[in-house]
PDB file of N, CA and C in Angstrom:
ATOM      1  N   UNK A   1     -16.856   9.213  83.274  1.00  0.00           N
ATOM      2  CA  UNK A   1     -17.205  10.182  82.235  1.00  0.00           C
ATOM      3  C   UNK A   1     -16.661   9.694  80.893  1.00  0.00           C
ATOM      4  N   UNK A   2     -17.518   9.557  79.926  1.00  0.00           N
ATOM      5  CA  UNK A   2     -17.097   9.082  78.599  1.00  0.00           C
ATOM      6  C   UNK A   2     -16.433  10.225  77.830  1.00  0.00           C
ATOM      7  N   UNK A   3     -15.400   9.881  77.114  1.00  0.00           N
ATOM      8  CA  UNK A   3     -14.753  10.900  76.283  1.00  0.00           C
ATOM      9  C   UNK A   3     -15.178  10.691  74.844  1.00  0.00           C
ATOM     10  N   UNK A   4     -15.264  11.794  74.120  1.00  0.00           N
ATOM     11  CA  UNK A   4     -15.663  11.702  72.722  1.00  0.00           C
ATOM     12  C   UNK A   4     -14.498  11.193  71.877  1.00  0.00           C
ATOM     13  N   UNK A   5     -14.850  10.362  70.924  1.00  0.00           N
ATOM     14  CA  UNK A   5     -13.850   9.809  70.013  1.00  0.00           C
ATOM     15  C   UNK A   5     -13.276  10.920  69.128  1.00  0.00           C
ATOM     16  N   UNK A   6     -11.989  10.831  68.893  1.00  0.00           N
ATOM     17  CA  UNK A   6     -11.334  11.761  67.969  1.00  0.00           C
ATOM     18  C   UNK A   6     -10.988  10.978  66.714  1.00  0.00           C
ATOM     19  N   UNK A   7     -11.368  11.543  65.584  1.00  0.00           N
ATOM     20  CA  UNK A   7     -11.124  10.916  64.281  1.00  0.00           C
ATOM     21  C   UNK A   7     -10.213  11.832  63.482  1.00  0.00           C
ATOM     22  N   UNK A   8      -9.208  11.249  62.861  1.00  0.00           N
ATOM     23  CA  UNK A   8      -8.318  12.036  62.002  1.00  0.00           C
ATOM     24  C   UNK A   8      -8.429  11.522  60.570  1.00  0.00           C
ATOM     25  N   UNK A   9      -8.739  12.440  59.654  1.00  0.00           N
ATOM     26  CA  UNK A   9      -8.694  12.120  58.222  1.00  0.00           C
ATOM     27  C   UNK A   9      -7.223  12.224  57.861  1.00  0.00           C
ATOM     28  N   UNK A  10      -6.605  11.086  57.627  1.00  0.00           N
ATOM     29  CA  UNK A  10      -5.145  10.976  57.608  1.00  0.00           C
ATOM     30  C   UNK A  10      -4.620  10.446  56.280  1.00  0.00           C
ATOM     31  N   UNK A  11      -3.507  11.051  55.856  1.00  0.00           N
ATOM     32  CA  UNK A  11      -2.750  10.551  54.721  1.00  0.00           C
ATOM     33  C   UNK A  11      -1.345  10.257  55.253  1.00  0.00           C
ATOM     34  N   UNK A  12      -0.991   8.979  55.417  1.00  0.00           N
ATOM     35  CA  UNK A  12       0.315   8.633  55.985  1.00  0.00           C
ATOM     36  C   UNK A  12       1.501   9.183  55.200  1.00  0.00           C
ATOM     37  N   UNK A  13       1.297   9.525  53.932  1.00  0.00           N
ATOM     38  CA  UNK A  13       2.403  10.045  53.115  1.00  0.00           C
ATOM     39  C   UNK A  13       2.606  11.550  53.311  1.00  0.00           C
ATOM     40  N   UNK A  14       1.700  12.205  54.029  1.00  0.00           N
ATOM     41  CA  UNK A  14       1.769  13.653  54.238  1.00  0.00           C
ATOM     42  C   UNK A  14       2.453  13.962  55.560  1.00  0.00           C
ATOM     43  N   UNK A  15       3.513  14.772  55.522  1.00  0.00           N
ATOM     44  CA  UNK A  15       4.256  15.078  56.745  1.00  0.00           C
ATOM     45  C   UNK A  15       3.391  15.838  57.750  1.00  0.00           C
ATOM     46  N   UNK A  16       2.534  16.727  57.297  1.00  0.00           N
ATOM     47  CA  UNK A  16       1.660  17.487  58.212  1.00  0.00           C
ATOM     48  C   UNK A  16       0.672  16.544  58.898  1.00  0.00           C
ATOM     49  N   UNK A  17       0.168  15.592  58.156  1.00  0.00           N
ATOM     50  CA  UNK A  17      -0.770  14.621  58.702  1.00  0.00           C
ATOM     51  C   UNK A  17      -0.074  13.731  59.734  1.00  0.00           C
ATOM     52  N   UNK A  18       1.116  13.265  59.414  1.00  0.00           N
ATOM     53  CA  UNK A  18       1.887  12.439  60.360  1.00  0.00           C
ATOM     54  C   UNK A  18       2.216  13.228  61.624  1.00  0.00           C
ATOM     55  N   UNK A  19       2.585  14.487  61.443  1.00  0.00           N
ATOM     56  CA  UNK A  19       2.929  15.343  62.582  1.00  0.00           C
ATOM     57  C   UNK A  19       1.707  15.556  63.484  1.00  0.00           C
ATOM     58  N   UNK A  20       0.541  15.782  62.892  1.00  0.00           N
ATOM     59  CA  UNK A  20      -0.677  15.970  63.678  1.00  0.00           C
ATOM     60  C   UNK A  20      -0.998  14.713  64.482  1.00  0.00           C
ATOM     61  N   UNK A  21      -0.858  13.556  63.857  1.00  0.00           N
ATOM     62  CA  UNK A  21      -1.128  12.294  64.549  1.00  0.00           C
ATOM     63  C   UNK A  21      -0.158  12.104  65.715  1.00  0.00           C
ATOM     64  N   UNK A  22       1.114  12.451  65.509  1.00  0.00           N
ATOM     65  CA  UNK A  22       2.110  12.343  66.584  1.00  0.00           C
ATOM     66  C   UNK A  22       1.768  13.279  67.742  1.00  0.00           C
ATOM     67  N   UNK A  23       1.294  14.480  67.419  1.00  0.00           N
ATOM     68  CA  UNK A  23       0.908  15.435  68.468  1.00  0.00           C
ATOM     69  C   UNK A  23      -0.248  14.883  69.298  1.00  0.00           C
ATOM     70  N   UNK A  24      -1.217  14.291  68.625  1.00  0.00           N
ATOM     71  CA  UNK A  24      -2.347  13.695  69.349  1.00  0.00           C
ATOM     72  C   UNK A  24      -1.864  12.560  70.247  1.00  0.00           C
ATOM     73  N   UNK A  25      -1.004  11.705  69.703  1.00  0.00           N
ATOM     74  CA  UNK A  25      -0.477  10.581  70.484  1.00  0.00           C
ATOM     75  C   UNK A  25       0.322  11.077  71.689  1.00  0.00           C
ATOM     76  N   UNK A  26       1.074  12.166  71.513  1.00  0.00           N
ATOM     77  CA  UNK A  26       1.853  12.742  72.606  1.00  0.00           C
ATOM     78  C   UNK A  26       0.944  13.254  73.721  1.00  0.00           C
ATOM     79  N   UNK A  27      -0.283  13.621  73.365  1.00  0.00           N
ATOM     80  CA  UNK A  27      -1.276  14.072  74.347  1.00  0.00           C
ATOM     81  C   UNK A  27      -2.020  12.894  74.966  1.00  0.00           C
ATOM     82  N   UNK A  28      -1.656  11.677  74.566  1.00  0.00           N
ATOM     83  CA  UNK A  28      -2.308  10.489  75.091  1.00  0.00           C
ATOM     84  C   UNK A  28      -3.639  10.189  74.419  1.00  0.00           C
ATOM     85  N   UNK A  29      -3.844  10.777  73.251  1.00  0.00           N
ATOM     86  CA  UNK A  29      -5.103  10.587  72.520  1.00  0.00           C
ATOM     87  C   UNK A  29      -4.945   9.437  71.532  1.00  0.00           C
ATOM     88  N   UNK A  30      -5.861   8.485  71.615  1.00  0.00           N
ATOM     89  CA  UNK A  30      -5.890   7.410  70.625  1.00  0.00           C
ATOM     90  C   UNK A  30      -6.927   7.780  69.580  1.00  0.00           C
ATOM     91  N   UNK A  31      -6.482   8.387  68.527  1.00  0.00           N
ATOM     92  CA  UNK A  31      -7.398   8.826  67.475  1.00  0.00           C
ATOM     93  C   UNK A  31      -7.741   7.670  66.545  1.00  0.00           C
ATOM     94  N   UNK A  32      -8.973   7.655  66.092  1.00  0.00           N
ATOM     95  CA  UNK A  32      -9.387   6.694  65.075  1.00  0.00           C
ATOM     96  C   UNK A  32      -8.895   7.256  63.745  1.00  0.00           C
ATOM     97  N   UNK A  33      -8.113   6.484  63.028  1.00  0.00           N
ATOM     98  CA  UNK A  33      -7.510   6.940  61.773  1.00  0.00           C
ATOM     99  C   UNK A  33      -8.414   6.552  60.599  1.00  0.00           C
ATOM    100  N   UNK A  34      -8.816   7.563  59.860  1.00  0.00           N
ATOM    101  CA  UNK A  34      -9.616   7.361  58.651  1.00  0.00           C
ATOM    102  C   UNK A  34      -8.719   7.701  57.467  1.00  0.00           C
ATOM    103  N   UNK A  35      -8.240   6.667  56.783  1.00  0.00           N
ATOM    104  CA  UNK A  35      -7.369   6.883  55.618  1.00  0.00           C
ATOM    105  C   UNK A  35      -8.268   7.175  54.422  1.00  0.00           C
ATOM    106  N   UNK A  36      -8.579   8.455  54.276  1.00  0.00           N
ATOM    107  CA  UNK A  36      -9.579   8.885  53.293  1.00  0.00           C
ATOM    108  C   UNK A  36      -9.167   8.650  51.842  1.00  0.00           C
ATOM    109  N   UNK A  37      -7.895   8.411  51.582  1.00  0.00           N
ATOM    110  CA  UNK A  37      -7.483   8.109  50.208  1.00  0.00           C
ATOM    111  C   UNK A  37      -7.792   6.649  49.863  1.00  0.00           C
ATOM    112  N   UNK A  38      -7.779   5.792  50.890  1.00  0.00           N
ATOM    113  CA  UNK A  38      -8.062   4.369  50.681  1.00  0.00           C
ATOM    114  C   UNK A  38      -9.561   4.085  50.697  1.00  0.00           C
ATOM    115  N   UNK A  39     -10.245   4.709  51.620  1.00  0.00           N
ATOM    116  CA  UNK A  39     -11.690   4.527  51.767  1.00  0.00           C
ATOM    117  C   UNK A  39     -12.339   5.887  51.531  1.00  0.00           C
ATOM    118  N   UNK A  40     -12.723   6.139  50.299  1.00  0.00           N
ATOM    119  CA  UNK A  40     -13.212   7.462  49.923  1.00  0.00           C
ATOM    120  C   UNK A  40     -14.380   7.919  50.789  1.00  0.00           C
ATOM    121  N   UNK A  41     -14.311   9.170  51.265  1.00  0.00           N
ATOM    122  CA  UNK A  41     -15.453   9.696  52.017  1.00  0.00           C
ATOM    123  C   UNK A  41     -16.627   9.965  51.060  1.00  0.00           C
ATOM    124  N   UNK A  42     -17.830   9.848  51.599  1.00  0.00           N
ATOM    125  CA  UNK A  42     -19.015  10.126  50.790  1.00  0.00           C
ATOM    126  C   UNK A  42     -19.235  11.634  50.714  1.00  0.00           C
ATOM    127  N   UNK A  43     -20.095  12.038  49.793  1.00  0.00           N
ATOM    128  CA  UNK A  43     -20.460  13.462  49.707  1.00  0.00           C
ATOM    129  C   UNK A  43     -21.053  13.920  51.033  1.00  0.00           C
ATOM    130  N   UNK A  44     -21.844  13.041  51.664  1.00  0.00           N
ATOM    131  CA  UNK A  44     -22.475  13.381  52.941  1.00  0.00           C
ATOM    132  C   UNK A  44     -21.434  13.570  54.049  1.00  0.00           C
ATOM    133  N   UNK A  45     -20.419  12.716  54.063  1.00  0.00           N
ATOM    134  CA  UNK A  45     -19.361  12.862  55.069  1.00  0.00           C
ATOM    135  C   UNK A  45     -18.605  14.173  54.872  1.00  0.00           C
ATOM    136  N   UNK A  46     -18.313  14.508  53.634  1.00  0.00           N
ATOM    137  CA  UNK A  46     -17.601  15.755  53.347  1.00  0.00           C
ATOM    138  C   UNK A  46     -18.461  16.948  53.743  1.00  0.00           C
ATOM    139  N   UNK A  47     -19.744  16.904  53.412  1.00  0.00           N
ATOM    140  CA  UNK A  47     -20.657  17.993  53.771  1.00  0.00           C
ATOM    141  C   UNK A  47     -20.734  18.157  55.285  1.00  0.00           C
ATOM    142  N   UNK A  48     -20.755  17.033  56.009  1.00  0.00           N
ATOM    143  CA  UNK A  48     -20.806  17.082  57.477  1.00  0.00           C
ATOM    144  C   UNK A  48     -19.530  17.705  58.043  1.00  0.00           C
ATOM    145  N   UNK A  49     -18.377  17.325  57.501  1.00  0.00           N
ATOM    146  CA  UNK A  49     -17.107  17.899  57.950  1.00  0.00           C
ATOM    147  C   UNK A  49     -17.086  19.406  57.688  1.00  0.00           C
ATOM    148  N   UNK A  50     -17.570  19.810  56.534  1.00  0.00           N
ATOM    149  CA  UNK A  50     -17.620  21.243  56.219  1.00  0.00           C
ATOM    150  C   UNK A  50     -18.478  21.985  57.243  1.00  0.00           C
ATOM    151  N   UNK A  51     -19.593  21.366  57.625  1.00  0.00           N
ATOM    152  CA  UNK A  51     -20.481  21.971  58.617  1.00  0.00           C
ATOM    153  C   UNK A  51     -19.752  22.102  59.954  1.00  0.00           C
ATOM    154  N   UNK A  52     -19.060  21.049  60.364  1.00  0.00           N
ATOM    155  CA  UNK A  52     -18.318  21.073  61.635  1.00  0.00           C
ATOM    156  C   UNK A  52     -17.204  22.117  61.616  1.00  0.00           C
ATOM    157  N   UNK A  53     -16.588  22.284  60.460  1.00  0.00           N
ATOM    158  CA  UNK A  53     -15.504  23.267  60.310  1.00  0.00           C
ATOM    159  C   UNK A  53     -16.037  24.673  60.111  1.00  0.00           C
ATOM    160  N   UNK A  54     -17.345  24.772  59.827  1.00  0.00           N
ATOM    161  CA  UNK A  54     -17.950  26.051  59.444  1.00  0.00           C
ATOM    162  C   UNK A  54     -17.183  26.625  58.251  1.00  0.00           C
ATOM    163  N   UNK A  55     -17.036  25.774  57.225  1.00  0.00           N
ATOM    164  CA  UNK A  55     -16.208  26.114  56.072  1.00  0.00           C
ATOM    165  C   UNK A  55     -16.953  25.868  54.766  1.00  0.00           C
ATOM    166  N   UNK A  56     -16.440  26.448  53.718  1.00  0.00           N
ATOM    167  CA  UNK A  56     -16.927  26.235  52.358  1.00  0.00           C
ATOM    168  C   UNK A  56     -16.032  25.160  51.726  1.00  0.00           C
ATOM    169  N   UNK A  57     -16.529  24.463  50.707  1.00  0.00           N
ATOM    170  CA  UNK A  57     -15.738  23.386  50.090  1.00  0.00           C
ATOM    171  C   UNK A  57     -14.320  23.805  49.696  1.00  0.00           C
ATOM    172  N   UNK A  58     -14.184  24.964  49.090  1.00  0.00           N
ATOM    173  CA  UNK A  58     -12.854  25.380  48.627  1.00  0.00           C
ATOM    174  C   UNK A  58     -11.880  25.584  49.801  1.00  0.00           C
ATOM    175  N   UNK A  59     -12.416  25.824  51.009  1.00  0.00           N
ATOM    176  CA  UNK A  59     -11.572  26.021  52.191  1.00  0.00           C
ATOM    177  C   UNK A  59     -10.778  24.767  52.548  1.00  0.00           C
ATOM    178  N   UNK A  60     -11.276  23.593  52.132  1.00  0.00           N
ATOM    179  CA  UNK A  60     -10.556  22.354  52.463  1.00  0.00           C
ATOM    180  C   UNK A  60     -10.029  21.654  51.206  1.00  0.00           C
ATOM    181  N   UNK A  61      -9.940  22.408  50.125  1.00  0.00           N
ATOM    182  CA  UNK A  61      -9.443  21.817  48.873  1.00  0.00           C
ATOM    183  C   UNK A  61      -7.987  22.177  48.641  1.00  0.00           C
ATOM    184  N   UNK A  62      -7.280  21.236  48.082  1.00  0.00           N
ATOM    185  CA  UNK A  62      -5.882  21.454  47.709  1.00  0.00           C
ATOM    186  C   UNK A  62      -5.867  22.133  46.340  1.00  0.00           C
ATOM    187  N   UNK A  63      -5.984  23.445  46.373  1.00  0.00           N
ATOM    188  CA  UNK A  63      -6.125  24.210  45.135  1.00  0.00           C
ATOM    189  C   UNK A  63      -4.841  24.267  44.305  1.00  0.00           C
ATOM    190  N   UNK A  64      -3.720  23.873  44.887  1.00  0.00           N
ATOM    191  CA  UNK A  64      -2.458  23.855  44.127  1.00  0.00           C
ATOM    192  C   UNK A  64      -2.199  22.480  43.512  1.00  0.00           C
ATOM    193  N   UNK A  65      -3.056  21.529  43.826  1.00  0.00           N
ATOM    194  CA  UNK A  65      -2.953  20.174  43.286  1.00  0.00           C
ATOM    195  C   UNK A  65      -3.182  20.216  41.767  1.00  0.00           C
ATOM    196  N   UNK A  66      -2.358  19.512  41.016  1.00  0.00           N
ATOM    197  CA  UNK A  66      -2.490  19.488  39.555  1.00  0.00           C
ATOM    198  C   UNK A  66      -3.899  19.048  39.137  1.00  0.00           C
ATOM    199  N   UNK A  67      -4.444  18.097  39.849  1.00  0.00           N
ATOM    200  CA  UNK A  67      -5.784  17.584  39.539  1.00  0.00           C
ATOM    201  C   UNK A  67      -6.844  18.680  39.638  1.00  0.00           C
ATOM    202  N   UNK A  68      -6.670  19.591  40.568  1.00  0.00           N
ATOM    203  CA  UNK A  68      -7.600  20.722  40.735  1.00  0.00           C
ATOM    204  C   UNK A  68      -7.647  21.533  39.441  1.00  0.00           C
ATOM    205  N   UNK A  69      -6.461  21.791  38.897  1.00  0.00           N
ATOM    206  CA  UNK A  69      -6.371  22.555  37.647  1.00  0.00           C
ATOM    207  C   UNK A  69      -6.908  21.739  36.472  1.00  0.00           C
ATOM    208  N   UNK A  70      -6.527  20.444  36.424  1.00  0.00           N
ATOM    209  CA  UNK A  70      -6.966  19.567  35.332  1.00  0.00           C
ATOM    210  C   UNK A  70      -8.492  19.497  35.247  1.00  0.00           C
ATOM    211  N   UNK A  71      -9.146  19.470  36.398  1.00  0.00           N
ATOM    212  CA  UNK A  71     -10.602  19.360  36.430  1.00  0.00           C
ATOM    213  C   UNK A  71     -11.305  20.709  36.254  1.00  0.00           C
ATOM    214  N   UNK A  72     -10.506  21.779  36.150  1.00  0.00           N
ATOM    215  CA  UNK A  72     -11.079  23.111  35.945  1.00  0.00           C
ATOM    216  C   UNK A  72     -11.922  23.585  37.121  1.00  0.00           C
ATOM    217  N   UNK A  73     -11.543  23.197  38.331  1.00  0.00           N
ATOM    218  CA  UNK A  73     -12.358  23.511  39.498  1.00  0.00           C
ATOM    219  C   UNK A  73     -12.307  24.974  39.919  1.00  0.00           C
ATOM    220  N   UNK A  74     -11.312  25.692  39.443  1.00  0.00           N
ATOM    221  CA  UNK A  74     -11.202  27.113  39.779  1.00  0.00           C
ATOM    222  C   UNK A  74     -12.454  27.872  39.338  1.00  0.00           C
ATOM    223  N   UNK A  75     -13.030  27.439  38.236  1.00  0.00           N
ATOM    224  CA  UNK A  75     -14.181  28.141  37.677  1.00  0.00           C
ATOM    225  C   UNK A  75     -15.529  27.587  38.142  1.00  0.00           C
ATOM    226  N   UNK A  76     -15.495  26.581  38.991  1.00  0.00           N
ATOM    227  CA  UNK A  76     -16.738  25.969  39.473  1.00  0.00           C
ATOM    228  C   UNK A  76     -17.298  26.806  40.626  1.00  0.00           C
ATOM    229  N   UNK A  77     -18.562  27.189  40.504  1.00  0.00           N
ATOM    230  CA  UNK A  77     -19.211  28.011  41.526  1.00  0.00           C
ATOM    231  C   UNK A  77     -19.994  27.168  42.535  1.00  0.00           C
ATOM    232  N   UNK A  78     -20.511  26.031  42.111  1.00  0.00           N
ATOM    233  CA  UNK A  78     -21.417  25.216  42.912  1.00  0.00           C
ATOM    234  C   UNK A  78     -20.690  24.467  44.027  1.00  0.00           C
ATOM    235  N   UNK A  79     -21.138  24.705  45.273  1.00  0.00           N
ATOM    236  CA  UNK A  79     -20.569  23.969  46.406  1.00  0.00           C
ATOM    237  C   UNK A  79     -20.797  22.476  46.221  1.00  0.00           C
ATOM    238  N   UNK A  80     -21.976  22.117  45.739  1.00  0.00           N
ATOM    239  CA  UNK A  80     -22.309  20.704  45.540  1.00  0.00           C
ATOM    240  C   UNK A  80     -21.347  20.042  44.546  1.00  0.00           C
ATOM    241  N   UNK A  81     -21.016  20.748  43.474  1.00  0.00           N
ATOM    242  CA  UNK A  81     -20.093  20.210  42.473  1.00  0.00           C
ATOM    243  C   UNK A  81     -18.689  20.054  43.056  1.00  0.00           C
ATOM    244  N   UNK A  82     -18.276  20.982  43.904  1.00  0.00           N
ATOM    245  CA  UNK A  82     -16.955  20.892  44.531  1.00  0.00           C
ATOM    246  C   UNK A  82     -16.902  19.722  45.510  1.00  0.00           C
ATOM    247  N   UNK A  83     -17.990  19.532  46.266  1.00  0.00           N
ATOM    248  CA  UNK A  83     -18.053  18.400  47.194  1.00  0.00           C
ATOM    249  C   UNK A  83     -18.012  17.094  46.412  1.00  0.00           C
ATOM    250  N   UNK A  84     -18.731  17.050  45.307  1.00  0.00           N
ATOM    251  CA  UNK A  84     -18.735  15.849  44.462  1.00  0.00           C
ATOM    252  C   UNK A  84     -17.328  15.562  43.927  1.00  0.00           C
ATOM    253  N   UNK A  85     -16.618  16.613  43.516  1.00  0.00           N
ATOM    254  CA  UNK A  85     -15.248  16.445  43.010  1.00  0.00           C
ATOM    255  C   UNK A  85     -14.342  15.868  44.094  1.00  0.00           C
ATOM    256  N   UNK A  86     -14.518  16.323  45.346  1.00  0.00           N
ATOM    257  CA  UNK A  86     -13.695  15.799  46.447  1.00  0.00           C
ATOM    258  C   UNK A  86     -14.059  14.349  46.756  1.00  0.00           C
ATOM    259  N   UNK A  87     -15.337  14.017  46.671  1.00  0.00           N
ATOM    260  CA  UNK A  87     -15.766  12.632  46.935  1.00  0.00           C
ATOM    261  C   UNK A  87     -15.197  11.686  45.875  1.00  0.00           C
ATOM    262  N   UNK A  88     -15.172  12.137  44.630  1.00  0.00           N
ATOM    263  CA  UNK A  88     -14.640  11.312  43.546  1.00  0.00           C
ATOM    264  C   UNK A  88     -13.114  11.292  43.526  1.00  0.00           C
ATOM    265  N   UNK A  89     -12.502  12.368  44.023  1.00  0.00           N
ATOM    266  CA  UNK A  89     -11.045  12.526  44.003  1.00  0.00           C
ATOM    267  C   UNK A  89     -10.567  12.995  45.373  1.00  0.00           C
ATOM    268  N   UNK A  90     -10.526  12.116  46.373  1.00  0.00           N
ATOM    269  CA  UNK A  90     -10.172  12.547  47.729  1.00  0.00           C
ATOM    270  C   UNK A  90      -8.782  13.173  47.836  1.00  0.00           C
ATOM    271  N   UNK A  91      -7.967  12.966  46.828  1.00  0.00           N
ATOM    272  CA  UNK A  91      -6.648  13.598  46.782  1.00  0.00           C
ATOM    273  C   UNK A  91      -6.772  15.130  46.870  1.00  0.00           C
ATOM    274  N   UNK A  92      -7.942  15.643  46.499  1.00  0.00           N
ATOM    275  CA  UNK A  92      -8.182  17.085  46.524  1.00  0.00           C
ATOM    276  C   UNK A  92      -8.452  17.630  47.924  1.00  0.00           C
ATOM    277  N   UNK A  93      -8.658  16.743  48.897  1.00  0.00           N
ATOM    278  CA  UNK A  93      -8.998  17.179  50.246  1.00  0.00           C
ATOM    279  C   UNK A  93      -7.734  17.507  51.029  1.00  0.00           C
ATOM    280  N   UNK A  94      -7.720  18.699  51.612  1.00  0.00           N
ATOM    281  CA  UNK A  94      -6.606  19.130  52.458  1.00  0.00           C
ATOM    282  C   UNK A  94      -6.573  18.248  53.702  1.00  0.00           C
ATOM    283  N   UNK A  95      -5.395  18.010  54.208  1.00  0.00           N
ATOM    284  CA  UNK A  95      -5.264  17.162  55.383  1.00  0.00           C
ATOM    285  C   UNK A  95      -4.260  17.758  56.352  1.00  0.00           C
ATOM    286  N   UNK A  96      -4.313  17.303  57.573  1.00  0.00           N
ATOM    287  CA  UNK A  96      -5.293  16.408  58.167  1.00  0.00           C
ATOM    288  C   UNK A  96      -6.517  17.185  58.659  1.00  0.00           C
ATOM    289  N   UNK A  97      -7.620  16.513  58.738  1.00  0.00           N
ATOM    290  CA  UNK A  97      -8.818  17.060  59.370  1.00  0.00           C
ATOM    291  C   UNK A  97      -9.076  16.197  60.591  1.00  0.00           C
ATOM    292  N   UNK A  98      -9.251  16.845  61.727  1.00  0.00           N
ATOM    293  CA  UNK A  98      -9.487  16.114  62.972  1.00  0.00           C
ATOM    294  C   UNK A  98     -10.868  16.499  63.504  1.00  0.00           C
ATOM    295  N   UNK A  99     -11.623  15.478  63.874  1.00  0.00           N
ATOM    296  CA  UNK A  99     -13.005  15.659  64.302  1.00  0.00           C
ATOM    297  C   UNK A  99     -13.169  15.117  65.713  1.00  0.00           C
ATOM    298  N   UNK A 100     -13.877  15.882  66.535  1.00  0.00           N
ATOM    299  CA  UNK A 100     -14.239  15.425  67.880  1.00  0.00           C
ATOM    300  C   UNK A 100     -15.651  15.929  68.150  1.00  0.00           C
ATOM    301  N   UNK A 101     -16.598  15.008  68.186  1.00  0.00           N
ATOM    302  CA  UNK A 101     -17.983  15.386  68.458  1.00  0.00           C
ATOM    303  C   UNK A 101     -18.516  16.369  67.431  1.00  0.00           C
ATOM    304  N   UNK A 102     -18.917  17.533  67.908  1.00  0.00           N
ATOM    305  CA  UNK A 102     -19.495  18.542  67.012  1.00  0.00           C
ATOM    306  C   UNK A 102     -18.476  19.586  66.580  1.00  0.00           C
ATOM    307  N   UNK A 103     -17.194  19.271  66.759  1.00  0.00           N
ATOM    308  CA  UNK A 103     -16.122  20.203  66.378  1.00  0.00           C
ATOM    309  C   UNK A 103     -15.138  19.513  65.449  1.00  0.00           C
ATOM    310  N   UNK A 104     -14.515  20.329  64.622  1.00  0.00           N
ATOM    311  CA  UNK A 104     -13.465  19.816  63.742  1.00  0.00           C
ATOM    312  C   UNK A 104     -12.461  20.933  63.487  1.00  0.00           C
ATOM    313  N   UNK A 105     -11.232  20.550  63.183  1.00  0.00           N
ATOM    314  CA  UNK A 105     -10.204  21.520  62.799  1.00  0.00           C
ATOM    315  C   UNK A 105      -9.414  20.953  61.631  1.00  0.00           C
ATOM    316  N   UNK A 106      -8.948  21.864  60.800  1.00  0.00           N
ATOM    317  CA  UNK A 106      -8.011  21.517  59.743  1.00  0.00           C
ATOM    318  C   UNK A 106      -6.633  21.685  60.355  1.00  0.00           C
ATOM    319  N   UNK A 107      -5.843  20.625  60.365  1.00  0.00           N
ATOM    320  CA  UNK A 107      -4.545  20.637  61.034  1.00  0.00           C
ATOM    321  C   UNK A 107      -3.457  21.338  60.251  1.00  0.00           C
ATOM    322  N   UNK A 108      -3.685  22.579  59.926  1.00  0.00           N
ATOM    323  CA  UNK A 108      -2.682  23.405  59.263  1.00  0.00           C
ATOM    324  C   UNK A 108      -2.617  24.736  59.973  1.00  0.00           C
ATOM    325  N   UNK A 109      -1.612  24.953  60.788  1.00  0.00           N
ATOM    326  CA  UNK A 109      -0.495  24.052  61.095  1.00  0.00           C
ATOM    327  C   UNK A 109      -0.961  22.875  61.962  1.00  0.00           C
ATOM    328  N   UNK A 110      -0.165  21.809  62.027  1.00  0.00           N
ATOM    329  CA  UNK A 110      -0.560  20.607  62.765  1.00  0.00           C
ATOM    330  C   UNK A 110      -0.953  20.876  64.220  1.00  0.00           C
ATOM    331  N   UNK A 111      -0.358  21.882  64.845  1.00  0.00           N
ATOM    332  CA  UNK A 111      -0.644  22.191  66.252  1.00  0.00           C
ATOM    333  C   UNK A 111      -2.120  22.528  66.486  1.00  0.00           C
ATOM    334  N   UNK A 112      -2.821  22.908  65.431  1.00  0.00           N
ATOM    335  CA  UNK A 112      -4.250  23.236  65.574  1.00  0.00           C
ATOM    336  C   UNK A 112      -5.053  22.051  66.092  1.00  0.00           C
ATOM    337  N   UNK A 113      -4.594  20.826  65.844  1.00  0.00           N
ATOM    338  CA  UNK A 113      -5.350  19.655  66.294  1.00  0.00           C
ATOM    339  C   UNK A 113      -5.436  19.606  67.818  1.00  0.00           C
ATOM    340  N   UNK A 114      -4.503  20.245  68.509  1.00  0.00           N
ATOM    341  CA  UNK A 114      -4.489  20.235  69.962  1.00  0.00           C
ATOM    342  C   UNK A 114      -5.675  21.014  70.533  1.00  0.00           C
ATOM    343  N   UNK A 115      -6.292  21.881  69.725  1.00  0.00           N
ATOM    344  CA  UNK A 115      -7.478  22.615  70.175  1.00  0.00           C
ATOM    345  C   UNK A 115      -8.576  21.652  70.603  1.00  0.00           C
ATOM    346  N   UNK A 116      -8.617  20.484  69.993  1.00  0.00           N
ATOM    347  CA  UNK A 116      -9.654  19.505  70.295  1.00  0.00           C
ATOM    348  C   UNK A 116      -9.326  18.631  71.500  1.00  0.00           C
ATOM    349  N   UNK A 117      -8.090  18.689  71.986  1.00  0.00           N
ATOM    350  CA  UNK A 117      -7.726  17.844  73.134  1.00  0.00           C
ATOM    351  C   UNK A 117      -7.920  18.576  74.447  1.00  0.00           C
ATOM    352  N   UNK A 118      -8.172  19.849  74.385  1.00  0.00           N
ATOM    353  CA  UNK A 118      -8.355  20.667  75.605  1.00  0.00           C
ATOM    354  C   UNK A 118      -9.827  20.656  75.997  1.00  0.00           C
ATOM    355  N   UNK A 119     -10.079  20.316  77.241  1.00  0.00           N
ATOM    356  CA  UNK A 119     -11.455  20.360  77.770  1.00  0.00           C
ATOM    357  C   UNK A 119     -12.351  19.514  77.011  1.00  0.00           C
TER     358      UNK A 119
END
């Protein structure tokens, strides 16, 4: 029986992201690490993740990030514009995000990633 690959959108400098990765490893999961700050996700990838999370763009944005305020994103209504801002500035994306097949979770708290390792 083939198992679905687990992908983690990971920032090694983030303690929550590191903790989520450690939890997956403790479960014996070899997650594919996508360092989204180094290799920027496309607008399409972000839109797909939002669909998997059943979320709106602002749900995965770091709204307390200085860049969020600098770009005036609080007043932006367009989902497309918010997705574009995240694609251009991946620092705005909340982490970690873990994806398995047609499901995804935002690892806040990090223990949420374990939802994808069950069954």
